[in-house]
């Protein structure tokens, strides 16, 4: 039996970046490239850089994990395929 392991790249970044910022476009492109190369993307799951990378990966058909915190009232970004909720600390 051949076992395969997923290759995961974790991207955490600022949440205040918007679509108008060049950093958003760069993170979006990184997400696209990683998804095209077969990587799963793991982000903090919320806005800004993490949304951009998640969006880029999803638009290329990639899998996107979001590490979300139960203590946050904000909704995670809509580009996640899976959410991993963490306890409040």
N, C-alpha and C. Protein backbone atom coordinates (compact mmCIF):
# COMPACT_ATOMS: atom_id res chain seq x y z
N UNK A 1 0.84 -1.16 0.00
CA UNK A 1 0.00 0.00 0.00
C UNK A 1 0.90 1.24 0.00
N UNK A 2 0.57 2.18 -0.86
CA UNK A 2 1.31 3.43 -0.93
C UNK A 2 0.55 4.49 -0.15
N UNK A 3 1.23 5.10 0.81
CA UNK A 3 0.63 6.16 1.60
C UNK A 3 1.01 7.51 1.02
N UNK A 4 0.04 8.38 0.91
CA UNK A 4 0.35 9.74 0.46
C UNK A 4 0.08 10.71 1.59
N UNK A 5 0.90 11.70 1.67
CA UNK A 5 0.72 12.72 2.69
C UNK A 5 0.44 14.05 1.99
N UNK A 6 -0.49 14.79 2.57
CA UNK A 6 -0.77 16.12 2.04
C UNK A 6 0.39 17.04 2.37
N UNK A 7 0.67 17.92 1.45
CA UNK A 7 1.67 18.96 1.68
C UNK A 7 0.91 20.23 2.04
N UNK A 8 1.18 20.75 3.21
CA UNK A 8 0.44 21.90 3.72
C UNK A 8 1.40 23.07 3.93
N UNK A 9 0.99 24.24 3.45
CA UNK A 9 1.72 25.48 3.69
C UNK A 9 0.83 26.37 4.54
N UNK A 10 1.37 26.87 5.64
CA UNK A 10 0.63 27.74 6.54
C UNK A 10 0.97 29.20 6.28
N UNK A 11 -0.07 30.01 6.14
CA UNK A 11 0.11 31.44 5.88
C UNK A 11 -0.68 32.22 6.92
N UNK A 12 0.04 32.99 7.72
CA UNK A 12 -0.61 33.89 8.67
C UNK A 12 -0.13 35.29 8.35
N UNK A 13 -1.03 36.24 8.39
CA UNK A 13 -0.66 37.61 8.08
C UNK A 13 -1.68 38.56 8.67
N UNK A 14 -1.45 39.82 8.44
CA UNK A 14 -2.31 40.86 8.97
C UNK A 14 -3.73 40.78 8.44
N UNK A 15 -4.67 41.14 9.29
CA UNK A 15 -6.09 41.08 8.90
C UNK A 15 -6.63 42.42 8.42
N UNK A 16 -5.84 43.47 8.47
CA UNK A 16 -6.33 44.80 8.09
C UNK A 16 -6.08 45.15 6.63
N UNK A 17 -5.39 44.32 5.94
CA UNK A 17 -5.12 44.52 4.52
C UNK A 17 -6.43 44.35 3.74
N UNK A 18 -6.64 45.16 2.70
CA UNK A 18 -7.85 45.07 1.88
C UNK A 18 -7.50 44.72 0.44
N UNK A 19 -8.52 44.45 -0.34
CA UNK A 19 -8.31 44.12 -1.76
C UNK A 19 -7.57 45.21 -2.52
N UNK A 20 -7.63 46.44 -2.05
CA UNK A 20 -6.97 47.57 -2.72
C UNK A 20 -5.46 47.60 -2.46
N UNK A 21 -4.98 46.85 -1.48
CA UNK A 21 -3.57 46.87 -1.12
C UNK A 21 -2.75 45.91 -1.98
N UNK A 22 -1.53 46.28 -2.34
CA UNK A 22 -0.69 45.40 -3.15
C UNK A 22 -0.37 44.09 -2.43
N UNK A 23 -0.32 44.12 -1.11
CA UNK A 23 -0.04 42.90 -0.35
C UNK A 23 -1.16 41.87 -0.52
N UNK A 24 -2.38 42.34 -0.66
CA UNK A 24 -3.51 41.44 -0.87
C UNK A 24 -3.32 40.70 -2.19
N UNK A 25 -2.97 41.45 -3.23
CA UNK A 25 -2.75 40.84 -4.55
C UNK A 25 -1.60 39.83 -4.51
N UNK A 26 -0.56 40.17 -3.78
CA UNK A 26 0.58 39.26 -3.68
C UNK A 26 0.19 37.97 -2.94
N UNK A 27 -0.54 38.09 -1.85
CA UNK A 27 -0.96 36.91 -1.10
C UNK A 27 -1.93 36.07 -1.92
N UNK A 28 -2.79 36.73 -2.67
CA UNK A 28 -3.73 36.03 -3.56
C UNK A 28 -2.95 35.19 -4.57
N UNK A 29 -1.92 35.78 -5.15
CA UNK A 29 -1.10 35.07 -6.15
C UNK A 29 -0.35 33.91 -5.52
N UNK A 30 0.16 34.09 -4.32
CA UNK A 30 0.84 33.00 -3.61
C UNK A 30 -0.12 31.84 -3.40
N UNK A 31 -1.35 32.14 -2.99
CA UNK A 31 -2.36 31.10 -2.81
C UNK A 31 -2.63 30.35 -4.10
N UNK A 32 -2.74 31.08 -5.20
CA UNK A 32 -2.96 30.44 -6.51
C UNK A 32 -1.81 29.49 -6.85
N UNK A 33 -0.60 30.00 -6.73
CA UNK A 33 0.58 29.20 -7.11
C UNK A 33 0.71 27.95 -6.25
N UNK A 34 0.47 28.08 -4.95
CA UNK A 34 0.57 26.93 -4.07
C UNK A 34 -0.50 25.89 -4.39
N UNK A 35 -1.72 26.33 -4.64
CA UNK A 35 -2.79 25.40 -4.99
C UNK A 35 -2.47 24.69 -6.31
N UNK A 36 -1.98 25.44 -7.28
CA UNK A 36 -1.62 24.83 -8.57
C UNK A 36 -0.51 23.79 -8.42
N UNK A 37 0.35 24.00 -7.43
CA UNK A 37 1.45 23.06 -7.17
C UNK A 37 1.01 21.89 -6.29
N UNK A 38 -0.26 21.87 -5.90
CA UNK A 38 -0.79 20.74 -5.14
C UNK A 38 -0.72 20.87 -3.63
N UNK A 39 -0.42 22.06 -3.13
CA UNK A 39 -0.36 22.26 -1.69
C UNK A 39 -1.73 22.59 -1.11
N UNK A 40 -1.98 22.15 0.11
CA UNK A 40 -3.12 22.58 0.90
C UNK A 40 -2.67 23.86 1.59
N UNK A 41 -3.55 24.85 1.65
CA UNK A 41 -3.24 26.11 2.32
C UNK A 41 -3.89 26.08 3.70
N UNK A 42 -3.16 26.51 4.70
CA UNK A 42 -3.69 26.64 6.06
C UNK A 42 -3.49 28.09 6.48
N UNK A 43 -4.58 28.75 6.89
CA UNK A 43 -4.51 30.16 7.29
C UNK A 43 -5.19 30.35 8.64
N UNK A 44 -5.11 31.58 9.11
CA UNK A 44 -5.83 31.93 10.33
C UNK A 44 -7.33 32.02 10.12
N UNK A 45 -7.73 31.99 8.85
CA UNK A 45 -9.15 31.89 8.54
C UNK A 45 -9.96 33.16 8.48
N UNK A 46 -9.34 34.29 8.77
CA UNK A 46 -10.14 35.51 8.79
C UNK A 46 -9.79 36.42 7.61
N UNK A 47 -9.66 37.69 7.81
CA UNK A 47 -9.55 38.66 6.71
C UNK A 47 -8.11 38.96 6.30
N UNK A 48 -7.97 39.94 5.43
CA UNK A 48 -6.66 40.45 5.04
C UNK A 48 -5.83 39.46 4.24
N UNK A 49 -4.58 39.32 4.63
CA UNK A 49 -3.64 38.44 3.95
C UNK A 49 -4.15 37.01 3.95
N UNK A 50 -4.74 36.58 5.06
CA UNK A 50 -5.23 35.20 5.16
C UNK A 50 -6.39 34.96 4.21
N UNK A 51 -7.28 35.93 4.07
CA UNK A 51 -8.38 35.82 3.10
C UNK A 51 -7.83 35.78 1.68
N UNK A 52 -6.87 36.65 1.39
CA UNK A 52 -6.31 36.72 0.04
C UNK A 52 -5.69 35.40 -0.38
N UNK A 53 -4.88 34.81 0.49
CA UNK A 53 -4.24 33.53 0.18
C UNK A 53 -5.29 32.43 0.05
N UNK A 54 -6.28 32.44 0.93
CA UNK A 54 -7.36 31.46 0.88
C UNK A 54 -8.13 31.58 -0.42
N UNK A 55 -8.44 32.80 -0.79
CA UNK A 55 -9.20 33.06 -2.01
C UNK A 55 -8.44 32.60 -3.25
N UNK A 56 -7.15 32.94 -3.31
CA UNK A 56 -6.34 32.53 -4.45
C UNK A 56 -6.31 31.02 -4.60
N UNK A 57 -6.14 30.33 -3.48
CA UNK A 57 -6.10 28.87 -3.51
C UNK A 57 -7.44 28.27 -3.94
N UNK A 58 -8.53 28.76 -3.36
CA UNK A 58 -9.87 28.24 -3.69
C UNK A 58 -10.22 28.48 -5.14
N UNK A 59 -9.86 29.65 -5.66
CA UNK A 59 -10.17 29.96 -7.06
C UNK A 59 -9.44 29.03 -8.03
N UNK A 60 -8.39 28.40 -7.55
CA UNK A 60 -7.65 27.42 -8.36
C UNK A 60 -8.00 25.99 -7.98
N UNK A 61 -9.07 25.84 -7.19
CA UNK A 61 -9.54 24.50 -6.83
C UNK A 61 -8.82 23.86 -5.66
N UNK A 62 -8.06 24.64 -4.92
CA UNK A 62 -7.30 24.09 -3.80
C UNK A 62 -8.11 23.92 -2.54
N UNK A 63 -7.56 23.15 -1.62
CA UNK A 63 -8.15 22.95 -0.31
C UNK A 63 -7.57 23.99 0.64
N UNK A 64 -8.43 24.59 1.48
CA UNK A 64 -8.01 25.65 2.39
C UNK A 64 -8.51 25.35 3.80
N UNK A 65 -7.57 25.17 4.71
CA UNK A 65 -7.90 24.97 6.12
C UNK A 65 -7.84 26.31 6.83
N UNK A 66 -8.79 26.56 7.71
CA UNK A 66 -8.78 27.77 8.51
C UNK A 66 -8.73 27.43 9.98
N UNK A 67 -7.73 27.93 10.68
CA UNK A 67 -7.64 27.73 12.13
C UNK A 67 -8.39 28.91 12.76
N UNK A 68 -9.56 28.63 13.28
CA UNK A 68 -10.41 29.70 13.80
C UNK A 68 -10.54 29.57 15.31
N UNK A 69 -10.74 30.70 15.94
CA UNK A 69 -10.83 30.72 17.40
C UNK A 69 -12.28 30.93 17.84
N UNK A 70 -12.74 30.09 18.71
CA UNK A 70 -14.12 30.18 19.20
C UNK A 70 -14.41 31.50 19.89
N UNK A 71 -13.39 32.15 20.43
CA UNK A 71 -13.61 33.40 21.18
C UNK A 71 -13.89 34.58 20.26
N UNK A 72 -13.56 34.48 18.98
CA UNK A 72 -13.80 35.58 18.06
C UNK A 72 -15.27 35.59 17.63
N UNK A 73 -15.83 36.78 17.59
CA UNK A 73 -17.21 36.92 17.15
C UNK A 73 -17.30 36.99 15.62
N UNK A 74 -16.22 37.38 14.97
CA UNK A 74 -16.20 37.54 13.51
C UNK A 74 -16.32 36.19 12.81
N UNK A 75 -16.96 36.22 11.67
CA UNK A 75 -17.08 35.02 10.84
C UNK A 75 -15.79 34.81 10.06
N UNK A 76 -15.35 33.56 9.91
CA UNK A 76 -14.19 33.28 9.08
C UNK A 76 -14.46 33.66 7.62
N UNK A 77 -13.41 33.78 6.83
CA UNK A 77 -13.62 34.13 5.43
C UNK A 77 -14.33 33.01 4.68
N UNK A 78 -14.97 33.34 3.61
CA UNK A 78 -15.83 32.40 2.88
C UNK A 78 -15.07 31.44 1.96
N UNK A 79 -13.75 31.56 1.91
CA UNK A 79 -12.97 30.74 0.99
C UNK A 79 -12.43 29.46 1.63
N UNK A 80 -12.74 29.23 2.89
CA UNK A 80 -12.26 28.03 3.57
C UNK A 80 -13.03 26.80 3.10
N UNK A 81 -12.32 25.69 2.97
CA UNK A 81 -13.00 24.43 2.70
C UNK A 81 -13.21 23.65 4.00
N UNK A 82 -12.33 23.89 4.97
CA UNK A 82 -12.41 23.21 6.27
C UNK A 82 -12.06 24.20 7.37
N UNK A 83 -12.74 24.08 8.50
CA UNK A 83 -12.44 24.92 9.66
C UNK A 83 -11.97 24.03 10.81
N UNK A 84 -10.92 24.47 11.48
CA UNK A 84 -10.43 23.79 12.66
C UNK A 84 -10.57 24.80 13.80
N UNK A 85 -11.53 24.56 14.67
CA UNK A 85 -11.81 25.49 15.77
C UNK A 85 -10.91 25.18 16.95
N UNK A 86 -10.38 26.25 17.55
CA UNK A 86 -9.54 26.09 18.74
C UNK A 86 -10.28 26.65 19.95
N UNK A 87 -9.91 26.14 21.09
CA UNK A 87 -10.53 26.60 22.34
C UNK A 87 -9.97 27.96 22.71
N UNK A 88 -10.71 28.65 23.55
CA UNK A 88 -10.28 29.97 24.05
C UNK A 88 -9.19 29.78 25.10
N UNK A 89 -8.14 30.58 24.97
CA UNK A 89 -7.05 30.56 25.96
C UNK A 89 -6.68 31.94 26.35
